[in-house]
Amino acid sequence: MPKAEMEFVDIAGASLAVSRIGLGTWSIGGWMWGGSDEAEAIGAIHEAMDRGVNLIDTAPVYGFGHAEEIVGKALKQGGRRERAVIATKAGLEWKDGRPFRNARRERILKEIDDSLRRLQTDVIDIYQVHWPDPETPTAETAGVMAELYRAGKIRAVGVSNFSPEQMEEFSAVAPLHTVQPPYNLFERGAERDILPYAKRKGLTAFAYGAICRGLLSGQITRDTQFSGDDLRNRDPKFQPDRRPQYIAAVERLARFAREAYGKEVIHLALRWALDRGDNIVALWGARKRGQLAPIDGVMGWRLDAGAMAEIDRIIEETVTSPVGPEFMAPP
């Protein structure tokens, strides 16, 4: 069975292996995706690791602590913690089931201990500020992350949803190793500034939403319904005025993937993200074992310039009113 491609993040002379495809466990838990079966979620993590994935990305706000607890339980079994790179986040708080930004020093100091307890580990491999907090000085947030790094509670420092200007200000105070922007075939804003900055500074980029909240899985139709607090009920791409455009694009991309490579559209979407840069990890959310089956079809081939151009042409012709991921930003 093919193993996930690997790259290494060098951290003060040590190396953390991270898979080119990482399991984004943000899809596990109550908030965002309408809940999850815990046993099945643990099984999905085990299945991902058996298929060569070793990066598990999560956050306290996903399921309001539940996702981290699931990761902790999954990795405790069978000595998997030693084979896993845990990436989690800080800087979001919640009240009455609603998240909001809080990246103050005292909040992060509380979060790190809560995350270590829930994850059942004594060190977090990659600790990321989830969103920039405009009400907290960047120097304060970066300062406490640097403290945790020096104290050995975390092995690497990352940021998520930060602009290059915010990263520059952050890295003046703390070491910075990773950045996590939304990035996929339909949401390419990171190409303008974030990805070039990451390349220039030697940062690993964790591309989240690599299959665009399931749109690029090939499983969503014009009539698919989402229940409860599922994030897609608020995503403009899934609303009646835009969904037909995106589904039409997926259908054409699926035909191209089959005819050119004998692959499915999900393979094409993940391969596309990986081939946009050798420092890019594609984060892929999964709640069930069966959702990990496409991993094998992503490895061992590449998209050339002609294929990239054809993909661009398909999207330009089908998605006439594109929209980005801005709706996801918490208050």
C-alpha atoms as a PDB file:
ATOM      1  CA  MET A   1       0.000   0.000   0.000  1.00  0.00           C
ATOM      2  CA  PRO A   2       1.473   3.402  -0.957  1.00  0.00           C
ATOM      3  CA  LYS A   3       2.534   5.559   1.946  1.00  0.00           C
ATOM      4  CA  ALA A   4       1.775   9.246   2.212  1.00  0.00           C
ATOM      5  CA  GLU A   5       4.570  11.442   0.913  1.00  0.00           C
ATOM      6  CA  MET A   6       6.691  12.871   3.702  1.00  0.00           C
ATOM      7  CA  GLU A   7       8.472  16.123   4.333  1.00  0.00           C
ATOM      8  CA  PHE A   8      10.349  17.390   7.351  1.00  0.00           C
ATOM      9  CA  VAL A   9      10.005  20.539   9.432  1.00  0.00           C
ATOM     10  CA  ASP A  10      13.386  21.404  10.906  1.00  0.00           C
ATOM     11  CA  ILE A  11      13.000  22.751  14.429  1.00  0.00           C
ATOM     12  CA  ALA A  12      16.126  23.863  16.236  1.00  0.00           C
ATOM     13  CA  GLY A  13      18.170  21.039  14.776  1.00  0.00           C
ATOM     14  CA  ALA A  14      15.477  18.381  15.182  1.00  0.00           C
ATOM     15  CA  SER A  15      13.139  17.165  12.452  1.00  0.00           C
ATOM     16  CA  LEU A  16       9.440  16.444  12.666  1.00  0.00           C
ATOM     17  CA  ALA A  17       8.115  14.254   9.871  1.00  0.00           C
ATOM     18  CA  VAL A  18       4.821  15.475   8.504  1.00  0.00           C
ATOM     19  CA  SER A  19       2.851  13.733   5.806  1.00  0.00           C
ATOM     20  CA  ARG A  20       2.098  15.577   2.594  1.00  0.00           C
ATOM     21  CA  ILE A  21      -1.510  14.634   3.342  1.00  0.00           C
ATOM     22  CA  GLY A  22      -2.528  15.316   6.923  1.00  0.00           C
ATOM     23  CA  LEU A  23      -5.733  14.266   8.655  1.00  0.00           C
ATOM     24  CA  GLY A  24      -7.603  17.424   9.606  1.00  0.00           C
ATOM     25  CA  THR A  25      -9.644  16.298  12.570  1.00  0.00           C
ATOM     26  CA  TRP A  26     -11.563  19.523  12.568  1.00  0.00           C
ATOM     27  CA  SER A  27     -14.347  17.485  11.001  1.00  0.00           C
ATOM     28  CA  ILE A  28     -14.790  15.623  14.291  1.00  0.00           C
ATOM     29  CA  GLY A  29     -16.999  17.127  16.957  1.00  0.00           C
ATOM     30  CA  GLY A  30     -20.119  19.205  17.446  1.00  0.00           C
ATOM     31  CA  TRP A  31     -19.369  22.714  16.263  1.00  0.00           C
ATOM     32  CA  MET A  32     -18.984  23.097  12.495  1.00  0.00           C
ATOM     33  CA  TRP A  33     -20.097  19.695  11.233  1.00  0.00           C
ATOM     34  CA  GLY A  34     -23.090  18.517  13.205  1.00  0.00           C
ATOM     35  CA  GLY A  35     -21.507  15.983  15.542  1.00  0.00           C
ATOM     36  CA  SER A  36     -19.703  12.696  15.043  1.00  0.00           C
ATOM     37  CA  ASP A  37     -19.673   9.095  16.246  1.00  0.00           C
ATOM     38  CA  GLU A  38     -16.674   8.814  18.571  1.00  0.00           C
ATOM     39  CA  ALA A  39     -15.814   5.186  17.868  1.00  0.00           C
ATOM     40  CA  GLU A  40     -15.996   5.783  14.120  1.00  0.00           C
ATOM     41  CA  ALA A  41     -13.852   8.928  14.443  1.00  0.00           C
ATOM     42  CA  ILE A  42     -11.185   7.018  16.375  1.00  0.00           C
ATOM     43  CA  GLY A  43     -11.313   4.352  13.702  1.00  0.00           C
ATOM     44  CA  ALA A  44     -10.781   6.996  11.022  1.00  0.00           C
ATOM     45  CA  ILE A  45      -7.627   8.222  12.775  1.00  0.00           C
ATOM     46  CA  HIS A  46      -6.306   4.677  13.048  1.00  0.00           C
ATOM     47  CA  GLU A  47      -7.114   4.029   9.382  1.00  0.00           C
ATOM     48  CA  ALA A  48      -5.322   7.225   8.328  1.00  0.00           C
ATOM     49  CA  MET A  49      -2.192   6.248  10.239  1.00  0.00           C
ATOM     50  CA  ASP A  50      -2.283   2.735   8.804  1.00  0.00           C
ATOM     51  CA  ARG A  51      -2.283   4.351   5.361  1.00  0.00           C
ATOM     52  CA  GLY A  52       0.829   6.396   6.121  1.00  0.00           C
ATOM     53  CA  VAL A  53      -0.632   9.658   7.431  1.00  0.00           C
ATOM     54  CA  ASN A  54       1.168  10.883  10.531  1.00  0.00           C
ATOM     55  CA  LEU A  55       0.010  14.520  10.914  1.00  0.00           C
ATOM     56  CA  ILE A  56      -3.177  15.000  12.934  1.00  0.00           C
ATOM     57  CA  ASP A  57      -4.470  18.586  12.923  1.00  0.00           C
ATOM     58  CA  THR A  58      -7.162  19.612  15.397  1.00  0.00           C
ATOM     59  CA  ALA A  59      -8.184  22.484  17.713  1.00  0.00           C
ATOM     60  CA  PRO A  60      -9.889  23.022  21.070  1.00  0.00           C
ATOM     61  CA  VAL A  61     -12.827  24.839  19.463  1.00  0.00           C
ATOM     62  CA  TYR A  62     -13.733  21.841  17.289  1.00  0.00           C
ATOM     63  CA  GLY A  63     -16.464  20.177  19.260  1.00  0.00           C
ATOM     64  CA  PHE A  64     -15.518  22.493  22.163  1.00  0.00           C
ATOM     65  CA  GLY A  65     -12.794  20.152  23.360  1.00  0.00           C
ATOM     66  CA  HIS A  66     -14.310  16.924  22.073  1.00  0.00           C
ATOM     67  CA  ALA A  67     -12.106  16.660  18.980  1.00  0.00           C
ATOM     68  CA  GLU A  68      -8.913  16.900  21.033  1.00  0.00           C
ATOM     69  CA  GLU A  69     -10.249  14.267  23.424  1.00  0.00           C
ATOM     70  CA  ILE A  70     -10.920  11.923  20.511  1.00  0.00           C
ATOM     71  CA  VAL A  71      -7.413  12.458  19.150  1.00  0.00           C
ATOM     72  CA  GLY A  72      -5.963  11.758  22.591  1.00  0.00           C
ATOM     73  CA  LYS A  73      -7.910   8.510  22.927  1.00  0.00           C
ATOM     74  CA  ALA A  74      -7.026   7.401  19.389  1.00  0.00           C
ATOM     75  CA  LEU A  75      -3.301   8.020  19.775  1.00  0.00           C
ATOM     76  CA  LYS A  76      -3.089   6.401  23.206  1.00  0.00           C
ATOM     77  CA  GLN A  77      -3.993   3.043  21.678  1.00  0.00           C
ATOM     78  CA  GLY A  78      -1.232   0.846  20.305  1.00  0.00           C
ATOM     79  CA  GLY A  79       1.613   3.291  20.878  1.00  0.00           C
ATOM     80  CA  ARG A  80       0.399   5.574  18.108  1.00  0.00           C
ATOM     81  CA  ARG A  81       1.396   8.769  19.911  1.00  0.00           C
ATOM     82  CA  GLU A  82       5.050   8.047  19.167  1.00  0.00           C
ATOM     83  CA  ARG A  83       4.272   7.841  15.432  1.00  0.00           C
ATOM     84  CA  ALA A  84       2.039  10.912  15.229  1.00  0.00           C
ATOM     85  CA  VAL A  85       2.707  14.616  14.782  1.00  0.00           C
ATOM     86  CA  ILE A  86      -0.003  16.479  16.704  1.00  0.00           C
ATOM     87  CA  ALA A  87      -0.906  19.948  15.489  1.00  0.00           C
ATOM     88  CA  THR A  88      -3.451  21.872  17.502  1.00  0.00           C
ATOM     89  CA  LYS A  89      -4.331  25.523  18.035  1.00  0.00           C
ATOM     90  CA  ALA A  90      -5.007  28.297  20.510  1.00  0.00           C
ATOM     91  CA  GLY A  91      -6.601  31.728  20.528  1.00  0.00           C
ATOM     92  CA  LEU A  92     -10.310  30.985  20.208  1.00  0.00           C
ATOM     93  CA  GLU A  93     -12.733  30.962  23.115  1.00  0.00           C
ATOM     94  CA  TRP A  94     -16.408  30.080  23.091  1.00  0.00           C
ATOM     95  CA  LYS A  95     -19.576  30.987  24.950  1.00  0.00           C
ATOM     96  CA  ASP A  96     -23.064  29.544  24.527  1.00  0.00           C
ATOM     97  CA  GLY A  97     -21.809  27.447  21.631  1.00  0.00           C
ATOM     98  CA  ARG A  98     -20.317  30.383  19.721  1.00  0.00           C
ATOM     99  CA  PRO A  99     -16.580  30.895  19.146  1.00  0.00           C
ATOM    100  CA  PHE A 100     -14.814  34.228  19.351  1.00  0.00           C
ATOM    101  CA  ARG A 101     -11.191  35.335  19.199  1.00  0.00           C
ATOM    102  CA  ASN A 102      -9.109  35.636  22.350  1.00  0.00           C
ATOM    103  CA  ALA A 103      -5.323  35.355  21.948  1.00  0.00           C
ATOM    104  CA  ARG A 104      -4.313  37.039  25.181  1.00  0.00           C
ATOM    105  CA  ARG A 105      -1.486  35.582  27.235  1.00  0.00           C
ATOM    106  CA  GLU A 106      -3.650  34.273  30.071  1.00  0.00           C
ATOM    107  CA  ARG A 107      -6.029  32.577  27.639  1.00  0.00           C
ATOM    108  CA  ILE A 108      -3.248  30.731  25.787  1.00  0.00           C
ATOM    109  CA  LEU A 109      -1.611  29.647  29.046  1.00  0.00           C
ATOM    110  CA  LYS A 110      -4.916  28.072  30.060  1.00  0.00           C
ATOM    111  CA  GLU A 111      -5.459  26.546  26.632  1.00  0.00           C
ATOM    112  CA  ILE A 112      -2.093  24.804  26.464  1.00  0.00           C
ATOM    113  CA  ASP A 113      -2.692  22.937  29.708  1.00  0.00           C
ATOM    114  CA  ASP A 114      -6.248  22.019  28.693  1.00  0.00           C
ATOM    115  CA  SER A 115      -5.025  20.753  25.307  1.00  0.00           C
ATOM    116  CA  LEU A 116      -2.199  18.703  26.821  1.00  0.00           C
ATOM    117  CA  ARG A 117      -4.700  17.076  29.182  1.00  0.00           C
ATOM    118  CA  ARG A 118      -7.280  16.343  26.481  1.00  0.00           C
ATOM    119  CA  LEU A 119      -4.648  15.040  24.050  1.00  0.00           C
ATOM    120  CA  GLN A 120      -3.067  12.883  26.777  1.00  0.00           C
ATOM    121  CA  THR A 121       0.451  14.021  25.934  1.00  0.00           C
ATOM    122  CA  ASP A 122       3.217  16.020  27.593  1.00  0.00           C
ATOM    123  CA  VAL A 123       4.191  17.971  24.476  1.00  0.00           C
ATOM    124  CA  ILE A 124       2.371  19.373  21.430  1.00  0.00           C
ATOM    125  CA  ASP A 125       4.366  19.032  18.242  1.00  0.00           C
ATOM    126  CA  ILE A 126       2.974  22.044  16.372  1.00  0.00           C
ATOM    127  CA  TYR A 127       1.044  24.731  18.273  1.00  0.00           C
ATOM    128  CA  GLN A 128      -0.751  27.287  16.129  1.00  0.00           C
ATOM    129  CA  VAL A 129      -2.555  30.562  16.795  1.00  0.00           C
ATOM    130  CA  HIS A 130      -5.934  29.832  15.253  1.00  0.00           C
ATOM    131  CA  TRP A 131      -6.867  33.358  14.126  1.00  0.00           C
ATOM    132  CA  PRO A 132      -5.209  36.761  14.599  1.00  0.00           C
ATOM    133  CA  ASP A 133      -6.917  38.653  17.418  1.00  0.00           C
ATOM    134  CA  PRO A 134      -7.226  42.364  16.572  1.00  0.00           C
ATOM    135  CA  GLU A 135      -7.901  43.209  20.223  1.00  0.00           C
ATOM    136  CA  THR A 136      -4.657  41.637  21.460  1.00  0.00           C
ATOM    137  CA  PRO A 137      -1.202  43.003  20.542  1.00  0.00           C
ATOM    138  CA  THR A 138       0.618  40.560  18.278  1.00  0.00           C
ATOM    139  CA  ALA A 139       3.689  40.877  20.482  1.00  0.00           C
ATOM    140  CA  GLU A 140       1.699  39.594  23.461  1.00  0.00           C
ATOM    141  CA  THR A 141       0.445  36.534  21.567  1.00  0.00           C
ATOM    142  CA  ALA A 142       3.833  35.797  20.019  1.00  0.00           C
ATOM    143  CA  GLY A 143       5.534  36.306  23.379  1.00  0.00           C
ATOM    144  CA  VAL A 144       3.550  33.606  25.144  1.00  0.00           C
ATOM    145  CA  MET A 145       4.032  31.210  22.215  1.00  0.00           C
ATOM    146  CA  ALA A 146       7.787  31.800  22.487  1.00  0.00           C
ATOM    147  CA  GLU A 147       7.590  31.071  26.228  1.00  0.00           C
ATOM    148  CA  LEU A 148       5.867  27.741  25.586  1.00  0.00           C
ATOM    149  CA  TYR A 149       8.434  26.871  22.932  1.00  0.00           C
ATOM    150  CA  ARG A 150      11.361  27.625  25.258  1.00  0.00           C
ATOM    151  CA  ALA A 151       9.689  25.682  28.070  1.00  0.00           C
ATOM    152  CA  GLY A 152       9.457  22.568  25.882  1.00  0.00           C
ATOM    153  CA  LYS A 153       5.666  22.350  25.987  1.00  0.00           C
ATOM    154  CA  ILE A 154       5.577  22.734  22.201  1.00  0.00           C
ATOM    155  CA  ARG A 155       8.054  21.696  19.507  1.00  0.00           C
ATOM    156  CA  ALA A 156       7.073  24.158  16.783  1.00  0.00           C
ATOM    157  CA  VAL A 157       5.138  27.406  16.461  1.00  0.00           C
ATOM    158  CA  GLY A 158       2.558  28.048  13.782  1.00  0.00           C
ATOM    159  CA  VAL A 159      -0.131  30.510  12.803  1.00  0.00           C
ATOM    160  CA  SER A 160      -3.402  30.025  10.957  1.00  0.00           C
ATOM    161  CA  ASN A 161      -5.262  32.612   8.865  1.00  0.00           C
ATOM    162  CA  PHE A 162      -2.487  35.207   9.303  1.00  0.00           C
ATOM    163  CA  SER A 163      -1.458  37.664   6.585  1.00  0.00           C
ATOM    164  CA  PRO A 164       2.232  38.108   5.665  1.00  0.00           C
ATOM    165  CA  GLU A 165       2.264  41.421   7.538  1.00  0.00           C
ATOM    166  CA  GLN A 166       0.896  39.737  10.662  1.00  0.00           C
ATOM    167  CA  MET A 167       3.406  36.893  10.317  1.00  0.00           C
ATOM    168  CA  GLU A 168       6.258  39.374   9.963  1.00  0.00           C
ATOM    169  CA  GLU A 169       5.204  41.134  13.163  1.00  0.00           C
ATOM    170  CA  PHE A 170       4.742  37.783  14.937  1.00  0.00           C
ATOM    171  CA  SER A 171       8.127  36.391  13.883  1.00  0.00           C
ATOM    172  CA  ALA A 172       9.908  39.446  15.255  1.00  0.00           C
ATOM    173  CA  VAL A 173       9.043  38.094  18.721  1.00  0.00           C
ATOM    174  CA  ALA A 174       8.737  34.317  18.345  1.00  0.00           C
ATOM    175  CA  PRO A 175      10.114  31.598  16.063  1.00  0.00           C
ATOM    176  CA  LEU A 176       7.675  30.660  13.304  1.00  0.00           C
ATOM    177  CA  HIS A 177       7.668  27.283  11.551  1.00  0.00           C
ATOM    178  CA  THR A 178       4.268  26.774   9.904  1.00  0.00           C
ATOM    179  CA  VAL A 179       1.355  28.711   8.440  1.00  0.00           C
ATOM    180  CA  GLN A 180      -2.143  27.372   7.786  1.00  0.00           C
ATOM    181  CA  PRO A 181      -4.274  29.120   5.134  1.00  0.00           C
ATOM    182  CA  PRO A 182      -7.437  27.921   3.388  1.00  0.00           C
ATOM    183  CA  TYR A 183      -6.342  26.623  -0.003  1.00  0.00           C
ATOM    184  CA  ASN A 184      -7.949  24.452  -2.652  1.00  0.00           C
ATOM    185  CA  LEU A 185      -8.946  24.456  -6.307  1.00  0.00           C
ATOM    186  CA  PHE A 186     -11.804  26.885  -5.611  1.00  0.00           C
ATOM    187  CA  GLU A 187     -10.195  29.079  -2.930  1.00  0.00           C
ATOM    188  CA  ARG A 188      -6.820  30.362  -4.102  1.00  0.00           C
ATOM    189  CA  GLY A 189      -6.407  33.662  -2.300  1.00  0.00           C
ATOM    190  CA  ALA A 190      -3.323  32.305  -0.504  1.00  0.00           C
ATOM    191  CA  GLU A 191      -1.458  32.319  -3.827  1.00  0.00           C
ATOM    192  CA  ARG A 192      -1.388  36.112  -3.851  1.00  0.00           C
ATOM    193  CA  ASP A 193       0.694  36.572  -0.728  1.00  0.00           C
ATOM    194  CA  ILE A 194       0.650  33.850   1.954  1.00  0.00           C
ATOM    195  CA  LEU A 195       2.182  31.009  -0.053  1.00  0.00           C
ATOM    196  CA  PRO A 196       4.923  33.171  -1.618  1.00  0.00           C
ATOM    197  CA  TYR A 197       5.761  34.473   1.866  1.00  0.00           C
ATOM    198  CA  ALA A 198       5.903  30.923   3.276  1.00  0.00           C
ATOM    199  CA  LYS A 199       8.188  29.809   0.464  1.00  0.00           C
ATOM    200  CA  ARG A 200      10.481  32.791   0.978  1.00  0.00           C
ATOM    201  CA  LYS A 201      10.706  32.268   4.736  1.00  0.00           C
ATOM    202  CA  GLY A 202      11.036  28.482   4.662  1.00  0.00           C
ATOM    203  CA  LEU A 203       7.690  27.829   6.346  1.00  0.00           C
ATOM    204  CA  THR A 204       5.652  24.677   5.849  1.00  0.00           C
ATOM    205  CA  ALA A 205       2.145  25.557   4.629  1.00  0.00           C
ATOM    206  CA  PHE A 206      -0.758  23.451   5.904  1.00  0.00           C
ATOM    207  CA  ALA A 207      -3.466  23.929   3.264  1.00  0.00           C
ATOM    208  CA  TYR A 208      -6.762  23.458   5.065  1.00  0.00           C
ATOM    209  CA  GLY A 209     -10.002  22.716   3.253  1.00  0.00           C
ATOM    210  CA  ALA A 210      -8.086  20.897   0.500  1.00  0.00           C
ATOM    211  CA  ILE A 211     -11.312  19.351  -0.815  1.00  0.00           C
ATOM    212  CA  CYS A 212     -13.337  22.516  -0.102  1.00  0.00           C
ATOM    213  CA  ARG A 213     -15.593  21.208   2.638  1.00  0.00           C
ATOM    214  CA  GLY A 214     -16.464  18.131   0.601  1.00  0.00           C
ATOM    215  CA  LEU A 215     -17.289  19.879  -2.670  1.00  0.00           C
ATOM    216  CA  LEU A 216     -14.297  18.236  -4.347  1.00  0.00           C
ATOM    217  CA  SER A 217     -15.043  14.792  -2.939  1.00  0.00           C
ATOM    218  CA  GLY A 218     -17.422  14.063  -5.795  1.00  0.00           C
ATOM    219  CA  GLN A 219     -20.087  12.995  -3.291  1.00  0.00           C
ATOM    220  CA  ILE A 220     -22.079  16.241  -3.041  1.00  0.00           C
ATOM    221  CA  THR A 221     -24.897  16.909  -5.489  1.00  0.00           C
ATOM    222  CA  ARG A 222     -27.188  19.843  -6.223  1.00  0.00           C
ATOM    223  CA  ASP A 223     -29.714  18.354  -3.772  1.00  0.00           C
ATOM    224  CA  THR A 224     -27.469  17.304  -0.858  1.00  0.00           C
ATOM    225  CA  GLN A 225     -28.825  18.580   2.479  1.00  0.00           C
ATOM    226  CA  PHE A 226     -26.765  19.439   5.584  1.00  0.00           C
ATOM    227  CA  SER A 227     -28.148  19.120   9.096  1.00  0.00           C
ATOM    228  CA  GLY A 228     -27.778  20.954  12.398  1.00  0.00           C
ATOM    229  CA  ASP A 229     -24.869  23.344  12.818  1.00  0.00           C
ATOM    230  CA  ASP A 230     -23.057  22.075   9.700  1.00  0.00           C
ATOM    231  CA  LEU A 231     -20.849  24.905   8.447  1.00  0.00           C
ATOM    232  CA  ARG A 232     -21.989  24.352   4.879  1.00  0.00           C
ATOM    233  CA  ASN A 233     -25.420  25.728   5.708  1.00  0.00           C
ATOM    234  CA  ARG A 234     -23.678  29.130   5.858  1.00  0.00           C
ATOM    235  CA  ASP A 235     -21.147  28.620   3.084  1.00  0.00           C
ATOM    236  CA  PRO A 236     -22.129  30.718   0.013  1.00  0.00           C
ATOM    237  CA  LYS A 237     -20.801  27.973  -2.278  1.00  0.00           C
ATOM    238  CA  PHE A 238     -23.555  25.626  -1.134  1.00  0.00           C
ATOM    239  CA  GLN A 239     -26.435  28.075  -1.555  1.00  0.00           C
ATOM    240  CA  PRO A 240     -28.892  27.811  -4.502  1.00  0.00           C
ATOM    241  CA  ASP A 241     -27.413  30.732  -6.466  1.00  0.00           C
ATOM    242  CA  ARG A 242     -23.875  29.294  -6.546  1.00  0.00           C
ATOM    243  CA  ARG A 243     -24.027  25.566  -5.875  1.00  0.00           C
ATOM    244  CA  PRO A 244     -24.967  24.633  -9.486  1.00  0.00           C
ATOM    245  CA  GLN A 245     -21.828  26.428 -10.739  1.00  0.00           C
ATOM    246  CA  TYR A 246     -19.536  24.577  -8.366  1.00  0.00           C
ATOM    247  CA  ILE A 247     -21.197  21.212  -8.993  1.00  0.00           C
ATOM    248  CA  ALA A 248     -20.823  21.761 -12.746  1.00  0.00           C
ATOM    249  CA  ALA A 249     -17.115  22.461 -12.205  1.00  0.00           C
ATOM    250  CA  VAL A 250     -16.714  19.297 -10.133  1.00  0.00           C
ATOM    251  CA  GLU A 251     -18.463  17.219 -12.804  1.00  0.00           C
ATOM    252  CA  ARG A 252     -16.128  18.509 -15.517  1.00  0.00           C
ATOM    253  CA  LEU A 253     -13.066  18.092 -13.308  1.00  0.00           C
ATOM    254  CA  ALA A 254     -14.168  14.513 -12.596  1.00  0.00           C
ATOM    255  CA  ARG A 255     -14.383  13.753 -16.318  1.00  0.00           C
ATOM    256  CA  PHE A 256     -10.927  15.237 -16.854  1.00  0.00           C
ATOM    257  CA  ALA A 257      -9.466  13.194 -13.962  1.00  0.00           C
ATOM    258  CA  ARG A 258     -10.931   9.949 -15.332  1.00  0.00           C
ATOM    259  CA  GLU A 259      -9.982  10.556 -18.959  1.00  0.00           C
ATOM    260  CA  ALA A 260      -6.464  11.899 -18.351  1.00  0.00           C
ATOM    261  CA  TYR A 261      -5.355   9.831 -15.354  1.00  0.00           C
ATOM    262  CA  GLY A 262      -7.919   7.168 -14.556  1.00  0.00           C
ATOM    263  CA  LYS A 263      -8.503   8.941 -11.225  1.00  0.00           C
ATOM    264  CA  GLU A 264     -11.444  10.432  -9.323  1.00  0.00           C
ATOM    265  CA  VAL A 265     -11.983  14.126  -8.715  1.00  0.00           C
ATOM    266  CA  ILE A 266     -10.896  13.857  -5.058  1.00  0.00           C
ATOM    267  CA  HIS A 267      -7.539  12.450  -6.182  1.00  0.00           C
ATOM    268  CA  LEU A 268      -7.186  15.341  -8.633  1.00  0.00           C
ATOM    269  CA  ALA A 269      -8.023  17.960  -5.992  1.00  0.00           C
ATOM    270  CA  LEU A 270      -5.541  16.651  -3.431  1.00  0.00           C
ATOM    271  CA  ARG A 271      -2.828  16.093  -6.038  1.00  0.00           C
ATOM    272  CA  TRP A 272      -3.374  19.665  -7.258  1.00  0.00           C
ATOM    273  CA  ALA A 273      -2.817  21.088  -3.750  1.00  0.00           C
ATOM    274  CA  LEU A 274       0.351  19.043  -3.225  1.00  0.00           C
ATOM    275  CA  ASP A 275       1.793  19.975  -6.616  1.00  0.00           C
ATOM    276  CA  ARG A 276       1.434  23.715  -6.025  1.00  0.00           C
ATOM    277  CA  GLY A 277       4.582  23.698  -3.882  1.00  0.00           C
ATOM    278  CA  ASP A 278       7.034  21.324  -2.248  1.00  0.00           C
ATOM    279  CA  ASN A 279       6.373  22.927   1.149  1.00  0.00           C
ATOM    280  CA  ILE A 280       2.601  22.293   1.071  1.00  0.00           C
ATOM    281  CA  VAL A 281       0.735  19.757   3.200  1.00  0.00           C
ATOM    282  CA  ALA A 282      -2.877  19.071   2.156  1.00  0.00           C
ATOM    283  CA  LEU A 283      -5.171  18.771   5.187  1.00  0.00           C
ATOM    284  CA  TRP A 284      -8.105  16.473   4.622  1.00  0.00           C
ATOM    285  CA  GLY A 285     -10.966  16.052   7.087  1.00  0.00           C
ATOM    286  CA  ALA A 286     -12.476  12.620   7.672  1.00  0.00           C
ATOM    287  CA  ARG A 287     -14.933  11.210  10.176  1.00  0.00           C
ATOM    288  CA  LYS A 288     -15.273   7.661   8.838  1.00  0.00           C
ATOM    289  CA  ARG A 289     -12.794   4.972   7.835  1.00  0.00           C
ATOM    290  CA  GLY A 290     -14.174   4.724   4.322  1.00  0.00           C
ATOM    291  CA  GLN A 291     -13.434   8.395   3.668  1.00  0.00           C
ATOM    292  CA  LEU A 292      -9.701   7.603   3.809  1.00  0.00           C
ATOM    293  CA  ALA A 293      -9.762   5.102   0.929  1.00  0.00           C
ATOM    294  CA  PRO A 294      -8.761   7.700  -1.721  1.00  0.00           C
ATOM    295  CA  ILE A 295      -5.344   8.289  -0.100  1.00  0.00           C
ATOM    296  CA  ASP A 296      -3.704   5.565  -2.167  1.00  0.00           C
ATOM    297  CA  GLY A 297      -4.923   7.150  -5.392  1.00  0.00           C
ATOM    298  CA  VAL A 298      -3.216  10.462  -4.612  1.00  0.00           C
ATOM    299  CA  MET A 299       0.317   9.099  -4.443  1.00  0.00           C
ATOM    300  CA  GLY A 300       2.825   8.196  -7.137  1.00  0.00           C
ATOM    301  CA  TRP A 301       1.885  10.663  -9.866  1.00  0.00           C
ATOM    302  CA  ARG A 302       1.954  14.415 -10.544  1.00  0.00           C
ATOM    303  CA  LEU A 303       0.075  17.073 -12.492  1.00  0.00           C
ATOM    304  CA  ASP A 304       2.082  18.767 -15.226  1.00  0.00           C
ATOM    305  CA  ALA A 305       1.719  22.337 -16.485  1.00  0.00           C
ATOM    306  CA  GLY A 306      -0.749  21.309 -19.187  1.00  0.00           C
ATOM    307  CA  ALA A 307      -3.036  19.654 -16.656  1.00  0.00           C
ATOM    308  CA  MET A 308      -2.850  22.688 -14.378  1.00  0.00           C
ATOM    309  CA  ALA A 309      -3.866  24.917 -17.301  1.00  0.00           C
ATOM    310  CA  GLU A 310      -6.796  22.657 -18.200  1.00  0.00           C
ATOM    311  CA  ILE A 311      -8.018  22.704 -14.588  1.00  0.00           C
ATOM    312  CA  ASP A 312      -7.865  26.502 -14.592  1.00  0.00           C
ATOM    313  CA  ARG A 313      -9.844  26.629 -17.845  1.00  0.00           C
ATOM    314  CA  ILE A 314     -12.589  24.355 -16.505  1.00  0.00           C
ATOM    315  CA  ILE A 315     -13.037  26.448 -13.378  1.00  0.00           C
ATOM    316  CA  GLU A 316     -13.020  29.754 -15.251  1.00  0.00           C
ATOM    317  CA  GLU A 317     -15.738  28.497 -17.601  1.00  0.00           C
ATOM    318  CA  THR A 318     -18.022  27.025 -14.941  1.00  0.00           C
ATOM    319  CA  VAL A 319     -17.674  29.146 -11.782  1.00  0.00           C
ATOM    320  CA  THR A 320     -18.899  32.541 -12.955  1.00  0.00           C
ATOM    321  CA  SER A 321     -19.448  34.091  -9.515  1.00  0.00           C
ATOM    322  CA  PRO A 322     -16.642  32.698  -7.321  1.00  0.00           C
ATOM    323  CA  VAL A 323     -16.567  33.343  -3.593  1.00  0.00           C
ATOM    324  CA  GLY A 324     -13.824  32.782  -1.042  1.00  0.00           C
ATOM    325  CA  PRO A 325     -13.790  31.306   2.479  1.00  0.00           C
ATOM    326  CA  GLU A 326     -14.248  34.642   4.266  1.00  0.00           C
ATOM    327  CA  PHE A 327     -17.533  33.528   5.852  1.00  0.00           C
ATOM    328  CA  MET A 328     -15.587  31.186   8.171  1.00  0.00           C
ATOM    329  CA  ALA A 329     -13.894  33.974  10.135  1.00  0.00           C
ATOM    330  CA  PRO A 330     -15.086  34.019  13.763  1.00  0.00           C
ATOM    331  CA  PRO A 331     -15.966  37.325  15.449  1.00  0.00           C
END
